[in-house]
Amino acid sequence: MTFTNRQRADRFATNLNAYSDDEPYINLGDCLADAMHWCHLNDHEFEDALDTARMHLDAELLEDAMDGGNV
């Protein structure tokens, strides 16, 4: 299934709001820190995952721009 960038952001907002009872931005920091802990304990490189995420973001934003800016 292909999502729009708005759908991707909304999907993450739903998860972020369910993550904890804190404010969404606090939850974001906690979620990222927990992801770092998970990577450390499971012998994964968080920075590699972050680089991959950045590549996906760049590609999705480019695709969005090529489609006329449809979010």
N, C-alpha and C. Protein backbone atom coordinates (compact mmCIF):
# COMPACT_ATOMS: atom_id res chain seq x y z
N MET A 1 0.85 -1.18 0.00
CA MET A 1 0.00 0.00 0.00
C MET A 1 0.89 1.24 0.00
N THR A 2 0.54 2.20 -0.81
CA THR A 2 1.28 3.44 -0.88
C THR A 2 0.55 4.51 -0.08
N PHE A 3 1.29 5.22 0.76
CA PHE A 3 0.72 6.27 1.58
C PHE A 3 1.15 7.63 1.06
N THR A 4 0.31 8.64 1.27
CA THR A 4 0.74 10.01 1.01
C THR A 4 1.61 10.44 2.20
N ASN A 5 2.34 11.52 2.01
CA ASN A 5 3.15 12.02 3.12
C ASN A 5 2.29 12.45 4.29
N ARG A 6 1.12 12.99 4.03
CA ARG A 6 0.18 13.35 5.11
C ARG A 6 -0.24 12.10 5.87
N GLN A 7 -0.54 11.02 5.14
CA GLN A 7 -0.93 9.78 5.80
C GLN A 7 0.21 9.22 6.63
N ARG A 8 1.42 9.33 6.13
CA ARG A 8 2.59 8.87 6.90
C ARG A 8 2.71 9.66 8.20
N ALA A 9 2.58 10.98 8.10
CA ALA A 9 2.69 11.83 9.28
C ALA A 9 1.55 11.56 10.26
N ASP A 10 0.35 11.39 9.75
CA ASP A 10 -0.80 11.09 10.61
C ASP A 10 -0.65 9.74 11.29
N ARG A 11 -0.14 8.76 10.55
CA ARG A 11 0.09 7.42 11.12
C ARG A 11 1.08 7.50 12.27
N PHE A 12 2.14 8.29 12.07
CA PHE A 12 3.13 8.43 13.14
C PHE A 12 2.55 9.21 14.32
N ALA A 13 1.75 10.23 14.05
CA ALA A 13 1.14 11.01 15.13
C ALA A 13 0.27 10.11 16.01
N THR A 14 -0.45 9.20 15.40
CA THR A 14 -1.28 8.26 16.17
C THR A 14 -0.41 7.41 17.09
N ASN A 15 0.68 6.89 16.54
CA ASN A 15 1.60 6.09 17.36
C ASN A 15 2.28 6.92 18.44
N LEU A 16 2.67 8.13 18.08
CA LEU A 16 3.36 9.00 19.02
C LEU A 16 2.45 9.37 20.19
N ASN A 17 1.19 9.67 19.89
CA ASN A 17 0.25 10.02 20.96
C ASN A 17 -0.05 8.84 21.86
N ALA A 18 0.03 7.63 21.33
CA ALA A 18 -0.21 6.42 22.13
C ALA A 18 1.03 5.98 22.89
N TYR A 19 2.18 6.57 22.58
CA TYR A 19 3.45 6.12 23.15
C TYR A 19 3.51 6.34 24.66
N SER A 20 3.00 7.48 25.11
CA SER A 20 3.03 7.82 26.53
C SER A 20 1.99 8.91 26.78
N ASP A 21 1.83 9.28 28.03
CA ASP A 21 0.88 10.33 28.39
C ASP A 21 1.48 11.72 28.28
N ASP A 22 2.75 11.82 27.87
CA ASP A 22 3.41 13.12 27.77
C ASP A 22 2.99 13.85 26.50
N GLU A 23 3.50 15.06 26.36
CA GLU A 23 3.28 15.85 25.15
C GLU A 23 3.93 15.13 23.96
N PRO A 24 3.38 15.31 22.76
CA PRO A 24 3.91 14.60 21.60
C PRO A 24 5.42 14.81 21.38
N TYR A 25 5.92 16.04 21.58
CA TYR A 25 7.34 16.27 21.34
C TYR A 25 8.21 15.54 22.37
N ILE A 26 7.73 15.46 23.60
CA ILE A 26 8.44 14.68 24.63
C ILE A 26 8.42 13.21 24.24
N ASN A 27 7.27 12.74 23.78
CA ASN A 27 7.16 11.35 23.33
C ASN A 27 8.12 11.06 22.18
N LEU A 28 8.30 12.03 21.29
CA LEU A 28 9.22 11.84 20.16
C LEU A 28 10.63 11.58 20.68
N GLY A 29 11.09 12.40 21.60
CA GLY A 29 12.43 12.20 22.16
C GLY A 29 12.56 10.86 22.85
N ASP A 30 11.54 10.50 23.63
CA ASP A 30 11.56 9.21 24.33
C ASP A 30 11.55 8.05 23.35
N CYS A 31 10.75 8.17 22.30
CA CYS A 31 10.66 7.12 21.29
C CYS A 31 12.01 6.94 20.59
N LEU A 32 12.65 8.04 20.24
CA LEU A 32 13.96 7.95 19.58
C LEU A 32 15.01 7.37 20.52
N ALA A 33 15.00 7.78 21.78
CA ALA A 33 15.95 7.23 22.75
C ALA A 33 15.72 5.73 22.93
N ASP A 34 14.45 5.32 23.01
CA ASP A 34 14.15 3.90 23.15
C ASP A 34 14.58 3.13 21.90
N ALA A 35 14.44 3.74 20.73
CA ALA A 35 14.91 3.10 19.49
C ALA A 35 16.43 2.92 19.55
N MET A 36 17.13 3.91 20.10
CA MET A 36 18.58 3.79 20.25
C MET A 36 18.94 2.66 21.21
N HIS A 37 18.20 2.56 22.31
CA HIS A 37 18.43 1.45 23.25
C HIS A 37 18.20 0.11 22.57
N TRP A 38 17.11 0.02 21.80
CA TRP A 38 16.79 -1.22 21.10
C TRP A 38 17.91 -1.59 20.14
N CYS A 39 18.39 -0.62 19.38
CA CYS A 39 19.48 -0.88 18.44
C CYS A 39 20.72 -1.36 19.18
N HIS A 40 21.05 -0.70 20.26
CA HIS A 40 22.23 -1.07 21.04
C HIS A 40 22.13 -2.51 21.54
N LEU A 41 20.98 -2.87 22.07
CA LEU A 41 20.80 -4.21 22.64
C LEU A 41 20.67 -5.30 21.59
N ASN A 42 20.34 -4.92 20.36
CA ASN A 42 20.14 -5.91 19.30
C ASN A 42 21.20 -5.82 18.20
N ASP A 43 22.31 -5.16 18.52
CA ASP A 43 23.45 -5.07 17.61
C ASP A 43 23.08 -4.48 16.25
N HIS A 44 22.27 -3.43 16.28
CA HIS A 44 21.95 -2.66 15.08
C HIS A 44 22.53 -1.26 15.23
N GLU A 45 22.83 -0.63 14.14
CA GLU A 45 23.37 0.73 14.17
C GLU A 45 22.22 1.72 13.95
N PHE A 46 21.91 2.50 14.99
CA PHE A 46 20.84 3.48 14.88
C PHE A 46 21.13 4.48 13.76
N GLU A 47 22.38 4.91 13.65
CA GLU A 47 22.74 5.89 12.62
C GLU A 47 22.48 5.35 11.21
N ASP A 48 22.69 4.05 11.01
CA ASP A 48 22.39 3.45 9.70
C ASP A 48 20.89 3.50 9.42
N ALA A 49 20.09 3.19 10.43
CA ALA A 49 18.64 3.25 10.27
C ALA A 49 18.20 4.69 10.01
N LEU A 50 18.83 5.63 10.70
CA LEU A 50 18.51 7.04 10.50
C LEU A 50 18.89 7.50 9.09
N ASP A 51 20.03 7.05 8.60
CA ASP A 51 20.43 7.36 7.23
C ASP A 51 19.42 6.81 6.22
N THR A 52 18.96 5.59 6.44
CA THR A 52 17.96 4.97 5.57
C THR A 52 16.65 5.77 5.62
N ALA A 53 16.26 6.17 6.84
CA ALA A 53 15.04 6.97 6.99
C ALA A 53 15.16 8.29 6.24
N ARG A 54 16.34 8.91 6.30
CA ARG A 54 16.55 10.17 5.58
C ARG A 54 16.45 9.97 4.06
N MET A 55 16.99 8.86 3.57
CA MET A 55 16.88 8.56 2.14
C MET A 55 15.42 8.37 1.74
N HIS A 56 14.65 7.67 2.58
CA HIS A 56 13.23 7.46 2.29
C HIS A 56 12.51 8.80 2.28
N LEU A 57 12.79 9.65 3.27
CA LEU A 57 12.15 10.96 3.33
C LEU A 57 12.46 11.77 2.08
N ASP A 58 13.73 11.81 1.71
CA ASP A 58 14.12 12.57 0.52
C ASP A 58 13.38 12.06 -0.72
N ALA A 59 13.31 10.75 -0.88
CA ALA A 59 12.63 10.16 -2.03
C ALA A 59 11.13 10.47 -2.01
N GLU A 60 10.53 10.39 -0.83
CA GLU A 60 9.09 10.65 -0.72
C GLU A 60 8.78 12.13 -0.94
N LEU A 61 9.63 13.01 -0.46
CA LEU A 61 9.42 14.44 -0.70
C LEU A 61 9.61 14.77 -2.17
N LEU A 62 10.60 14.15 -2.81
CA LEU A 62 10.82 14.36 -4.24
C LEU A 62 9.63 13.85 -5.03
N GLU A 63 9.16 12.67 -4.70
CA GLU A 63 8.00 12.11 -5.38
C GLU A 63 6.79 13.03 -5.21
N ASP A 64 6.62 13.56 -4.00
CA ASP A 64 5.53 14.48 -3.73
C ASP A 64 5.65 15.73 -4.59
N ALA A 65 6.85 16.28 -4.70
CA ALA A 65 7.07 17.48 -5.51
C ALA A 65 6.80 17.20 -6.98
N MET A 66 7.17 16.01 -7.44
CA MET A 66 6.96 15.66 -8.84
C MET A 66 5.47 15.43 -9.15
N ASP A 67 4.72 15.09 -8.11
CA ASP A 67 3.28 14.89 -8.28
C ASP A 67 2.50 16.19 -8.10
N GLY A 68 3.20 17.29 -8.04
CA GLY A 68 2.53 18.57 -7.91
C GLY A 68 2.30 19.02 -6.48
N GLY A 69 3.03 18.43 -5.55
CA GLY A 69 2.92 18.86 -4.15
C GLY A 69 1.75 18.26 -3.41
N ASN A 70 1.18 17.18 -3.92
CA ASN A 70 0.09 16.53 -3.20
C ASN A 70 0.62 15.88 -1.94
N VAL A 71 0.04 16.26 -0.84
CA VAL A 71 0.47 15.72 0.45
C VAL A 71 -0.36 14.53 0.70
